[in-house]
Amino acid sequence: RIEDAGGGEEGDHGVKWEGTLVLGVIMTQHQSYPSPPSAEEARTNPIALLELREHVAREKLVKIEEQKLVREELKLCYRREGVNHISKCKDLALEYIRLMKENKEAINLN
């Protein structure tokens, strides 16, 4: 459920959908989730534990997708710049390496 002009409408489980309506087309759409429960609360409340696990899983997926987007931009830069890719795509390559190091734990499926 999406409301126009950037407003949001509460859906099931306190999840809020937000989007921008421009000429009848939704330009951006994302969900806004409630803040995660604390670790102390998760130890005593099984529902809070599940919510915390879902929150951590969502955060990992977002980081992985961000890394994929940077990788795709890096591929395009390499193709576009040709022989000059080393100097022209250096910033993207460094950003991709940084994200890989940050997401090392999220990428491991073990």
C-alpha atoms as a PDB file:
ATOM      1  CA  ARG A   1       0.000   0.000   0.000  1.00  0.00           C
ATOM      2  CA  ILE A   2       1.507   3.288  -1.052  1.00  0.00           C
ATOM      3  CA  GLU A   3       0.334   6.795  -0.446  1.00  0.00           C
ATOM      4  CA  ASP A   4       1.309   9.645  -2.766  1.00  0.00           C
ATOM      5  CA  ALA A   5       3.514  12.683  -2.067  1.00  0.00           C
ATOM      6  CA  GLY A   6       6.075  10.728  -0.092  1.00  0.00           C
ATOM      7  CA  GLY A   7       3.685   9.874   2.695  1.00  0.00           C
ATOM      8  CA  GLY A   8       3.485   6.428   4.118  1.00  0.00           C
ATOM      9  CA  GLU A   9       0.806   3.995   5.092  1.00  0.00           C
ATOM     10  CA  GLU A  10       1.161   1.371   7.787  1.00  0.00           C
ATOM     11  CA  GLY A  11       0.831  -2.184   6.570  1.00  0.00           C
ATOM     12  CA  ASP A  12       0.953  -5.474   8.446  1.00  0.00           C
ATOM     13  CA  HIS A  13       3.346  -5.846  11.394  1.00  0.00           C
ATOM     14  CA  GLY A  14       4.118  -2.125  11.656  1.00  0.00           C
ATOM     15  CA  VAL A  15       5.922  -2.055   8.292  1.00  0.00           C
ATOM     16  CA  LYS A  16       5.561   1.289   6.576  1.00  0.00           C
ATOM     17  CA  TRP A  17       5.609   1.575   2.782  1.00  0.00           C
ATOM     18  CA  GLU A  18       6.860   4.818   1.338  1.00  0.00           C
ATOM     19  CA  GLY A  19       7.005   6.044  -2.197  1.00  0.00           C
ATOM     20  CA  THR A  20       6.927   9.131  -4.375  1.00  0.00           C
ATOM     21  CA  LEU A  21       4.126   9.490  -6.885  1.00  0.00           C
ATOM     22  CA  VAL A  22       5.127  11.473  -9.983  1.00  0.00           C
ATOM     23  CA  LEU A  23       2.705  11.679 -12.906  1.00  0.00           C
ATOM     24  CA  GLY A  24       0.977   8.529 -11.702  1.00  0.00           C
ATOM     25  CA  VAL A  25       4.212   6.503 -11.577  1.00  0.00           C
ATOM     26  CA  ILE A  26       5.946   5.513  -8.388  1.00  0.00           C
ATOM     27  CA  MET A  27       9.554   6.659  -8.725  1.00  0.00           C
ATOM     28  CA  THR A  28      10.967   5.189  -5.531  1.00  0.00           C
ATOM     29  CA  GLN A  29       9.555   2.637  -3.199  1.00  0.00           C
ATOM     30  CA  HIS A  30      10.935   1.206  -0.013  1.00  0.00           C
ATOM     31  CA  GLN A  31       9.786  -0.149   3.275  1.00  0.00           C
ATOM     32  CA  SER A  32      10.443   1.570   6.550  1.00  0.00           C
ATOM     33  CA  TYR A  33      10.710  -0.916   9.398  1.00  0.00           C
ATOM     34  CA  PRO A  34      10.371  -0.169  13.104  1.00  0.00           C
ATOM     35  CA  SER A  35      13.614   0.053  15.058  1.00  0.00           C
ATOM     36  CA  PRO A  36      14.987  -3.326  16.178  1.00  0.00           C
ATOM     37  CA  PRO A  37      14.612  -4.490  19.759  1.00  0.00           C
ATOM     38  CA  SER A  38      17.586  -4.350  22.085  1.00  0.00           C
ATOM     39  CA  ALA A  39      19.742  -7.395  22.801  1.00  0.00           C
ATOM     40  CA  GLU A  40      18.463  -7.534  26.390  1.00  0.00           C
ATOM     41  CA  GLU A  41      14.874  -7.552  25.192  1.00  0.00           C
ATOM     42  CA  ALA A  42      15.671 -10.264  22.629  1.00  0.00           C
ATOM     43  CA  ARG A  43      17.056 -12.524  25.378  1.00  0.00           C
ATOM     44  CA  THR A  44      13.795 -12.446  27.312  1.00  0.00           C
ATOM     45  CA  ASN A  45      11.209 -12.161  24.538  1.00  0.00           C
ATOM     46  CA  PRO A  46      11.163 -14.751  21.707  1.00  0.00           C
ATOM     47  CA  ILE A  47       9.236 -12.424  19.386  1.00  0.00           C
ATOM     48  CA  ALA A  48      11.811  -9.698  19.902  1.00  0.00           C
ATOM     49  CA  LEU A  49      14.531 -12.248  19.125  1.00  0.00           C
ATOM     50  CA  LEU A  50      12.899 -13.058  15.777  1.00  0.00           C
ATOM     51  CA  GLU A  51      12.503  -9.355  14.975  1.00  0.00           C
ATOM     52  CA  LEU A  52      16.166  -8.768  15.781  1.00  0.00           C
ATOM     53  CA  ARG A  53      17.212 -11.681  13.546  1.00  0.00           C
ATOM     54  CA  GLU A  54      15.079 -10.339  10.691  1.00  0.00           C
ATOM     55  CA  HIS A  55      16.595  -6.892  11.148  1.00  0.00           C
ATOM     56  CA  VAL A  56      20.158  -8.259  11.004  1.00  0.00           C
ATOM     57  CA  ALA A  57      19.314 -10.355   7.929  1.00  0.00           C
ATOM     58  CA  ARG A  58      17.799  -7.324   6.153  1.00  0.00           C
ATOM     59  CA  GLU A  59      20.856  -5.212   6.933  1.00  0.00           C
ATOM     60  CA  LYS A  60      23.178  -7.897   5.547  1.00  0.00           C
ATOM     61  CA  LEU A  61      21.145  -8.169   2.359  1.00  0.00           C
ATOM     62  CA  VAL A  62      21.189  -4.411   1.861  1.00  0.00           C
ATOM     63  CA  LYS A  63      24.982  -4.341   2.241  1.00  0.00           C
ATOM     64  CA  ILE A  64      25.397  -7.188  -0.229  1.00  0.00           C
ATOM     65  CA  GLU A  65      23.152  -5.467  -2.782  1.00  0.00           C
ATOM     66  CA  GLU A  66      25.098  -2.228  -2.339  1.00  0.00           C
ATOM     67  CA  GLN A  67      28.292  -4.151  -3.081  1.00  0.00           C
ATOM     68  CA  LYS A  68      26.700  -5.650  -6.212  1.00  0.00           C
ATOM     69  CA  LEU A  69      25.731  -2.181  -7.461  1.00  0.00           C
ATOM     70  CA  VAL A  70      29.279  -0.896  -7.022  1.00  0.00           C
ATOM     71  CA  ARG A  71      30.611  -3.998  -8.817  1.00  0.00           C
ATOM     72  CA  GLU A  72      28.285  -3.359 -11.768  1.00  0.00           C
ATOM     73  CA  GLU A  73      29.381   0.291 -11.922  1.00  0.00           C
ATOM     74  CA  LEU A  74      32.999  -0.868 -11.848  1.00  0.00           C
ATOM     75  CA  LYS A  75      32.379  -3.264 -14.760  1.00  0.00           C
ATOM     76  CA  LEU A  76      30.780  -0.479 -16.785  1.00  0.00           C
ATOM     77  CA  CYS A  77      33.655   1.857 -15.961  1.00  0.00           C
ATOM     78  CA  TYR A  78      36.223  -0.717 -17.122  1.00  0.00           C
ATOM     79  CA  ARG A  79      34.391  -1.179 -20.407  1.00  0.00           C
ATOM     80  CA  ARG A  80      33.790   2.534 -20.938  1.00  0.00           C
ATOM     81  CA  GLU A  81      37.342   3.709 -20.124  1.00  0.00           C
ATOM     82  CA  GLY A  82      39.244   0.989 -21.983  1.00  0.00           C
ATOM     83  CA  VAL A  83      43.009   1.317 -21.578  1.00  0.00           C
ATOM     84  CA  ASN A  84      42.614   4.191 -19.099  1.00  0.00           C
ATOM     85  CA  HIS A  85      40.534   2.117 -16.675  1.00  0.00           C
ATOM     86  CA  ILE A  86      43.315   1.917 -14.065  1.00  0.00           C
ATOM     87  CA  SER A  87      43.342   5.654 -13.427  1.00  0.00           C
ATOM     88  CA  LYS A  88      39.711   6.426 -14.265  1.00  0.00           C
ATOM     89  CA  CYS A  89      38.089   3.626 -12.229  1.00  0.00           C
ATOM     90  CA  LYS A  90      40.432   3.693  -9.235  1.00  0.00           C
ATOM     91  CA  ASP A  91      37.898   5.266  -6.851  1.00  0.00           C
ATOM     92  CA  LEU A  92      35.247   2.679  -7.732  1.00  0.00           C
ATOM     93  CA  ALA A  93      37.749  -0.147  -7.327  1.00  0.00           C
ATOM     94  CA  LEU A  94      38.793   1.123  -3.896  1.00  0.00           C
ATOM     95  CA  GLU A  95      35.140   1.477  -2.862  1.00  0.00           C
ATOM     96  CA  TYR A  96      34.436  -2.076  -4.014  1.00  0.00           C
ATOM     97  CA  ILE A  97      37.417  -3.413  -2.053  1.00  0.00           C
ATOM     98  CA  ARG A  98      36.247  -1.510   1.046  1.00  0.00           C
ATOM     99  CA  LEU A  99      32.745  -2.961   0.732  1.00  0.00           C
ATOM    100  CA  MET A 100      34.135  -6.462   0.233  1.00  0.00           C
ATOM    101  CA  LYS A 101      36.142  -6.178   3.438  1.00  0.00           C
ATOM    102  CA  GLU A 102      33.150  -4.779   5.366  1.00  0.00           C
ATOM    103  CA  ASN A 103      30.775  -7.430   4.061  1.00  0.00           C
ATOM    104  CA  LYS A 104      33.083 -10.395   4.467  1.00  0.00           C
ATOM    105  CA  GLU A 105      30.959 -11.785   7.307  1.00  0.00           C
ATOM    106  CA  ALA A 106      27.682 -11.156   5.465  1.00  0.00           C
ATOM    107  CA  ILE A 107      28.874 -12.915   2.318  1.00  0.00           C
ATOM    108  CA  ASN A 108      29.902 -16.103   4.115  1.00  0.00           C
ATOM    109  CA  LEU A 109      26.936 -18.426   4.112  1.00  0.00           C
ATOM    110  CA  ASN A 110      28.365 -20.754   6.777  1.00  0.00           C
END
